[in-house]
Amino acid sequence: MMREAEVVVVFVTGPDEAALEALAARVVEEGLAACVNLIPRVRSVYRWDGEVHHEDEALAVLKTTRPAIAALRDRVHELHPYDLPEFLVLPVETGSEAYLGWVADGVTPAPEDREDDGQA
């Protein structure tokens, strides 16, 4: 499989940088993402429970692989403070072959190796 077809980018927003940094550390430590960039402040406008909200949030940009998407999605839902966290997967059309290889090599999802933190 070509590296471009394997690597994806995932967007996850959260209430603040600290919450997403804790999430990022876990998914990188667990091999579900090779790298997470944190953007400390984005402004989100969204409809929730019939009302339009304007909120400051943080944005995490995760680099992972297609085979790890399901496990990463499940882990984000377990760790995230929101009831309905954003989890958007974007394909990588192309990129530096060396970087794409690094991402692919850095993602080694092994759910049985994850620590049990008591969250379901």
Protein backbone atom coordinates (compact mmCIF):
# COMPACT_ATOMS: atom_id res chain seq x y z
CA MET A 1 0.00 0.00 0.00
CA MET A 2 1.27 3.47 -0.82
CA ARG A 3 2.03 5.57 2.25
CA GLU A 4 -0.29 8.33 0.99
CA ALA A 5 -3.23 5.91 1.09
CA GLU A 6 -2.38 4.78 4.61
CA VAL A 7 -1.83 8.09 6.45
CA VAL A 8 -4.78 10.23 7.52
CA VAL A 9 -5.26 13.41 9.54
CA VAL A 10 -7.90 13.57 12.27
CA PHE A 11 -9.41 16.75 13.73
CA VAL A 12 -10.62 16.72 17.32
CA THR A 13 -11.81 19.83 19.15
CA GLY A 14 -12.00 20.12 22.92
CA PRO A 15 -12.71 22.59 25.69
CA ASP A 16 -9.10 23.70 26.14
CA GLU A 17 -5.48 22.90 25.40
CA ALA A 18 -4.92 21.02 28.68
CA ALA A 19 -7.74 18.55 28.02
CA LEU A 20 -6.51 17.85 24.50
CA GLU A 21 -2.87 17.62 25.58
CA ALA A 22 -3.79 14.88 28.06
CA LEU A 23 -5.73 13.07 25.33
CA ALA A 24 -2.86 13.55 22.86
CA ALA A 25 -0.30 12.13 25.28
CA ARG A 26 -2.39 9.01 25.81
CA VAL A 27 -3.06 8.24 22.14
CA VAL A 28 0.59 8.83 21.18
CA GLU A 29 1.84 6.71 24.11
CA GLU A 30 -0.59 3.96 23.11
CA GLY A 31 0.55 4.01 19.47
CA LEU A 32 -2.80 5.15 18.08
CA ALA A 33 -1.30 8.35 16.62
CA ALA A 34 2.26 9.19 15.66
CA CYS A 35 1.93 12.90 16.36
CA VAL A 36 -0.61 15.41 17.61
CA ASN A 37 -0.42 19.14 17.01
CA LEU A 38 -2.34 21.33 19.43
CA ILE A 39 -3.81 24.65 18.38
CA PRO A 40 -4.66 26.31 21.68
CA ARG A 41 -7.49 28.57 20.55
CA VAL A 42 -10.07 28.31 17.82
CA ARG A 43 -13.48 29.96 17.80
CA SER A 44 -16.34 27.56 17.18
CA VAL A 45 -19.89 28.49 16.21
CA TYR A 46 -22.28 25.56 16.34
CA ARG A 47 -25.85 24.53 17.07
CA TRP A 48 -26.38 22.36 20.15
CA ASP A 49 -29.75 21.50 21.73
CA GLY A 50 -31.48 23.96 19.42
CA GLU A 51 -29.31 26.95 20.36
CA VAL A 52 -26.41 28.57 18.53
CA HIS A 53 -23.25 28.71 20.64
CA HIS A 54 -20.07 30.77 20.20
CA GLU A 55 -17.23 29.17 22.16
CA ASP A 56 -13.46 29.21 22.44
CA GLU A 57 -12.06 25.71 22.02
CA ALA A 58 -8.75 24.03 21.26
CA LEU A 59 -8.05 21.90 18.19
CA ALA A 60 -5.96 18.74 18.00
CA VAL A 61 -4.60 17.61 14.64
CA LEU A 62 -3.72 13.93 14.87
CA LYS A 63 -1.63 11.99 12.35
CA THR A 64 -2.45 8.30 12.16
CA THR A 65 -3.12 5.49 9.69
CA ARG A 66 -6.29 4.03 8.20
CA PRO A 67 -5.95 0.73 10.08
CA ALA A 68 -5.86 2.63 13.41
CA ILE A 69 -8.93 4.82 12.80
CA ALA A 70 -11.49 2.67 14.61
CA ALA A 71 -9.30 2.11 17.69
CA LEU A 72 -8.36 5.81 17.78
CA ARG A 73 -12.00 6.87 17.46
CA ASP A 74 -13.00 4.56 20.31
CA ARG A 75 -10.17 5.84 22.51
CA VAL A 76 -10.96 9.49 21.80
CA HIS A 77 -14.58 8.83 22.79
CA GLU A 78 -13.42 7.13 26.01
CA LEU A 79 -11.03 9.91 27.02
CA HIS A 80 -12.79 13.04 25.73
CA PRO A 81 -14.75 15.27 28.13
CA TYR A 82 -17.50 16.04 25.56
CA ASP A 83 -20.56 13.83 25.12
CA LEU A 84 -20.15 14.11 21.34
CA PRO A 85 -16.54 14.89 20.44
CA GLU A 86 -15.62 15.99 16.96
CA PHE A 87 -13.77 13.22 15.13
CA LEU A 88 -13.19 14.05 11.47
CA VAL A 89 -10.86 11.94 9.32
CA LEU A 90 -9.25 13.59 6.30
CA PRO A 91 -7.27 11.68 3.67
CA VAL A 92 -3.68 12.67 2.94
CA GLU A 93 -3.35 13.14 -0.79
CA THR A 94 0.43 13.35 -0.81
CA GLY A 95 3.34 14.31 1.40
CA SER A 96 7.00 13.79 2.10
CA GLU A 97 7.65 10.07 1.72
CA ALA A 98 10.00 10.17 4.71
CA TYR A 99 7.38 11.87 6.91
CA LEU A 100 4.58 9.57 5.79
CA GLY A 101 6.83 6.61 6.56
CA TRP A 102 7.57 8.02 10.00
CA VAL A 103 3.84 8.38 10.71
CA ALA A 104 3.09 4.87 9.46
CA ASP A 105 5.95 3.41 11.50
CA GLY A 106 4.87 5.34 14.61
CA VAL A 107 1.33 4.00 14.69
CA THR A 108 1.16 0.56 16.25
CA PRO A 109 -2.31 0.11 17.69
CA ALA A 110 -2.42 -2.77 20.10
CA PRO A 111 -5.64 -2.39 22.13
CA GLU A 112 -4.59 -5.18 24.50
CA ASP A 113 -1.56 -3.08 25.50
CA ARG A 114 -3.61 -0.03 26.51
CA GLU A 115 -3.85 0.85 30.17
CA ASP A 116 -7.28 0.39 31.70
CA ASP A 117 -8.23 3.76 33.11
CA GLY A 118 -11.69 2.68 34.24
CA GLN A 119 -13.45 4.76 31.59
CA ALA A 120 -15.93 3.13 29.27
